[in-house]
Amino acid sequence: MAIGILLLVLIYFAAVIPIGAVFLRGGIALANRIIGPVHTHGDAATGEPVKGAQESAVDNAPVRDLANPFSPPATVSQHNFGMEASSSAIPKLDFGRACLVMLILVVAMFVISVLFGLALRMTGMFGMVDLAFVNVAVWGLMFFAGSAVLMVMAPTTYSRSMLAVLMTYLMALAVAACLGGVVFLISSLSR
């Protein structure tokens, strides 16, 4: 029985980590689409540089787009006096690094779930409602933990990593809803 449980855990890890890595990479891409190009000095509508702007020590100081709180800091000289940024706000993870992020998160989720389950058992509240609460609490904690891990693994700010994790959650929820709809449709047609 122990070997069977070990095989199930290995299959779970082998399936969840690559699929989660694909969702994470997609969430980062969606977050970068939302964040959009970064403008520094210059007209944000046209991207034209400010008349008379000269590169100096002030031009190399980090500036932010005040209209977009998710914009990365940039300098005037890095972005050609106000033209669109060529790099995305959140660095794209390669597949291996995305798998490493997912491995860290799956292990953390497993540990947190076990600790919550043990706490519920010790208090005598271990019904279906309590398990649903544990799942919601674990997914909520994993949102913040995932944002922290992503912030470190893909050097970015915490707010941008939260946006990427939120997009990842929404993508996974949309795929789960579509798959659930297909299963429901097939089961209702087979009756």
Protein backbone atom coordinates (compact mmCIF):
# COMPACT_ATOMS: atom_id res chain seq x y z
CA MET A 1 0.00 0.00 0.00
CA ALA A 2 2.86 2.39 0.77
CA ILE A 3 4.34 1.76 -2.68
CA GLY A 4 0.96 2.52 -4.27
CA ILE A 5 0.68 5.81 -2.36
CA LEU A 6 4.24 6.71 -3.33
CA LEU A 7 3.48 5.99 -7.00
CA LEU A 8 0.34 8.15 -6.83
CA VAL A 9 2.33 11.01 -5.30
CA LEU A 10 5.01 10.68 -8.02
CA ILE A 11 2.37 10.65 -10.77
CA TYR A 12 0.72 13.68 -9.17
CA PHE A 13 4.02 15.58 -9.09
CA ALA A 14 4.87 14.49 -12.64
CA ALA A 15 1.53 15.75 -13.94
CA VAL A 16 0.97 18.88 -11.83
CA ILE A 17 4.42 20.45 -12.12
CA PRO A 18 4.69 20.64 -15.95
CA ILE A 19 1.03 21.64 -16.36
CA GLY A 20 1.40 24.27 -13.64
CA ALA A 21 4.58 25.54 -15.31
CA VAL A 22 2.69 26.04 -18.57
CA PHE A 23 -0.05 27.94 -16.74
CA LEU A 24 2.55 30.03 -14.88
CA ARG A 25 4.29 31.00 -18.10
CA GLY A 26 0.91 31.88 -19.61
CA GLY A 27 0.01 33.92 -16.52
CA ILE A 28 3.25 35.88 -16.84
CA ALA A 29 2.56 36.53 -20.53
CA LEU A 30 -0.98 37.75 -19.74
CA ALA A 31 0.31 39.95 -16.93
CA ASN A 32 2.86 41.49 -19.29
CA ARG A 33 0.07 42.19 -21.79
CA ILE A 34 -1.89 43.98 -19.07
CA ILE A 35 1.12 45.94 -17.86
CA GLY A 36 1.87 47.03 -21.42
CA PRO A 37 4.70 49.16 -22.71
CA VAL A 38 6.48 51.46 -20.35
CA HIS A 39 6.80 55.17 -21.11
CA THR A 40 9.28 57.32 -19.27
CA HIS A 41 9.67 60.99 -20.18
CA GLY A 42 7.88 62.28 -23.23
CA ASP A 43 4.34 62.31 -24.49
CA ALA A 44 2.69 59.04 -23.43
CA ALA A 45 0.14 59.27 -26.26
CA THR A 46 2.61 59.66 -29.13
CA GLY A 47 5.82 58.37 -27.59
CA GLU A 48 7.64 61.44 -28.88
CA PRO A 49 10.53 62.72 -26.78
CA VAL A 50 10.25 65.96 -24.86
CA LYS A 51 11.70 68.87 -26.84
CA GLY A 52 15.15 69.79 -25.66
CA ALA A 53 15.63 66.61 -23.56
CA GLN A 54 19.28 65.82 -23.13
CA GLU A 55 20.85 62.72 -21.62
CA SER A 56 22.40 63.54 -18.27
CA ALA A 57 22.76 62.10 -14.79
CA VAL A 58 19.10 62.97 -14.20
CA ASP A 59 18.13 60.97 -17.30
CA ASN A 60 19.74 57.88 -15.81
CA ALA A 61 17.71 58.11 -12.58
CA PRO A 62 14.91 55.52 -12.34
CA VAL A 63 11.50 56.86 -13.31
CA ARG A 64 8.05 55.24 -13.26
CA ASP A 65 4.92 55.71 -15.27
CA LEU A 66 2.55 57.16 -12.66
CA ALA A 67 -0.53 56.08 -14.64
CA ASN A 68 0.53 52.41 -14.42
CA PRO A 69 1.53 51.20 -10.93
CA PHE A 70 2.75 47.89 -12.37
CA SER A 71 5.29 49.54 -14.68
CA PRO A 72 8.93 48.66 -14.03
CA PRO A 73 11.38 51.42 -13.24
CA ALA A 74 13.23 52.63 -16.31
CA THR A 75 15.57 55.41 -17.27
CA VAL A 76 15.21 57.89 -20.05
CA SER A 77 18.41 56.79 -21.72
CA GLN A 78 17.41 53.11 -21.55
CA HIS A 79 14.17 53.76 -23.38
CA ASN A 80 15.31 56.29 -25.97
CA PHE A 81 13.75 59.37 -24.40
CA GLY A 82 10.21 58.08 -23.98
CA MET A 83 9.80 55.39 -26.61
CA GLU A 84 8.16 52.09 -25.72
CA ALA A 85 10.21 49.65 -23.69
CA SER A 86 11.46 46.64 -25.59
CA SER A 87 11.53 44.32 -22.59
CA SER A 88 8.53 43.01 -20.70
CA ALA A 89 7.82 44.09 -17.15
CA ILE A 90 8.08 40.58 -15.71
CA PRO A 91 11.02 38.51 -16.97
CA LYS A 92 9.82 35.44 -18.82
CA LEU A 93 10.73 32.18 -17.13
CA ASP A 94 12.12 29.32 -19.12
CA PHE A 95 10.29 26.02 -18.72
CA GLY A 96 12.82 24.56 -16.27
CA ARG A 97 12.67 27.55 -13.94
CA ALA A 98 8.86 27.57 -14.14
CA CYS A 99 8.90 23.87 -13.16
CA LEU A 100 11.16 24.71 -10.21
CA VAL A 101 8.73 27.42 -9.07
CA MET A 102 5.86 24.95 -9.34
CA LEU A 103 7.81 22.28 -7.42
CA ILE A 104 8.40 24.73 -4.57
CA LEU A 105 4.73 25.71 -4.57
CA VAL A 106 3.41 22.13 -4.73
CA VAL A 107 5.63 21.07 -1.81
CA ALA A 108 4.54 24.16 0.17
CA MET A 109 0.89 23.45 -0.65
CA PHE A 110 1.26 19.84 0.47
CA VAL A 111 2.88 20.85 3.77
CA ILE A 112 0.27 23.56 4.45
CA SER A 113 -2.59 21.18 3.62
CA VAL A 114 -1.24 18.50 5.94
CA LEU A 115 -0.80 21.02 8.76
CA PHE A 116 -4.36 22.33 8.29
CA GLY A 117 -5.69 18.75 8.17
CA LEU A 118 -3.88 17.82 11.36
CA ALA A 119 -5.18 20.95 13.08
CA LEU A 120 -8.74 20.07 12.05
CA ARG A 121 -8.34 16.48 13.28
CA MET A 122 -7.00 17.65 16.62
CA THR A 123 -9.96 20.00 17.09
CA GLY A 124 -12.46 17.35 15.98
CA MET A 125 -13.78 19.39 13.02
CA PHE A 126 -13.07 17.20 10.03
CA GLY A 127 -16.25 17.27 7.92
CA MET A 128 -16.80 18.22 4.29
CA VAL A 129 -17.43 21.88 5.11
CA ASP A 130 -14.18 22.00 7.03
CA LEU A 131 -12.28 20.44 4.12
CA ALA A 132 -13.78 23.01 1.74
CA PHE A 133 -12.64 25.76 4.12
CA VAL A 134 -9.15 24.24 4.22
CA ASN A 135 -8.97 24.21 0.42
CA VAL A 136 -10.03 27.86 0.18
CA ALA A 137 -7.58 28.84 2.91
CA VAL A 138 -4.72 26.88 1.31
CA TRP A 139 -5.36 28.41 -2.13
CA GLY A 140 -5.48 31.86 -0.54
CA LEU A 141 -2.19 31.31 1.26
CA MET A 142 -0.67 29.87 -1.89
CA PHE A 143 -1.59 33.03 -3.80
CA PHE A 144 0.63 35.10 -1.51
CA ALA A 145 3.33 32.42 -1.25
CA GLY A 146 3.34 31.96 -5.03
CA SER A 147 3.69 35.70 -5.51
CA ALA A 148 6.66 35.75 -3.14
CA VAL A 149 8.36 32.80 -4.86
CA LEU A 150 7.77 34.31 -8.30
CA MET A 151 9.11 37.67 -7.10
CA VAL A 152 12.38 35.97 -6.15
CA MET A 153 12.65 33.53 -9.08
CA ALA A 154 11.79 36.10 -11.76
CA PRO A 155 13.27 39.29 -10.35
CA THR A 156 10.27 41.60 -10.26
CA THR A 157 8.17 43.52 -7.79
CA TYR A 158 5.66 41.85 -5.49
CA SER A 159 2.69 43.65 -7.05
CA ARG A 160 3.65 42.49 -10.56
CA SER A 161 4.19 38.93 -9.33
CA MET A 162 0.75 39.03 -7.68
CA LEU A 163 -0.74 40.04 -11.03
CA ALA A 164 1.02 37.15 -12.76
CA VAL A 165 -0.19 34.65 -10.15
CA LEU A 166 -3.73 36.04 -10.41
CA MET A 167 -3.63 35.56 -14.19
CA THR A 168 -2.35 32.01 -13.63
CA TYR A 169 -5.24 31.29 -11.26
CA LEU A 170 -7.77 32.72 -13.72
CA MET A 171 -6.35 30.67 -16.60
CA ALA A 172 -6.45 27.47 -14.53
CA LEU A 173 -10.01 28.26 -13.42
CA ALA A 174 -11.11 28.87 -17.02
CA VAL A 175 -9.58 25.59 -18.21
CA ALA A 176 -11.12 23.70 -15.28
CA ALA A 177 -14.53 25.23 -16.06
CA CYS A 178 -14.24 24.27 -19.73
CA LEU A 179 -13.20 20.72 -18.89
CA GLY A 180 -15.99 20.45 -16.31
CA GLY A 181 -18.49 21.69 -18.90
CA VAL A 182 -17.30 19.11 -21.43
CA VAL A 183 -17.53 16.28 -18.86
CA PHE A 184 -21.01 17.45 -17.82
CA LEU A 185 -22.13 17.62 -21.46
CA ILE A 186 -20.77 14.16 -22.25
CA SER A 187 -22.35 12.65 -19.13
CA SER A 188 -25.71 14.25 -19.85
CA LEU A 189 -25.68 13.07 -23.48
CA SER A 190 -24.81 9.51 -22.49
CA ARG A 191 -27.95 9.12 -20.33
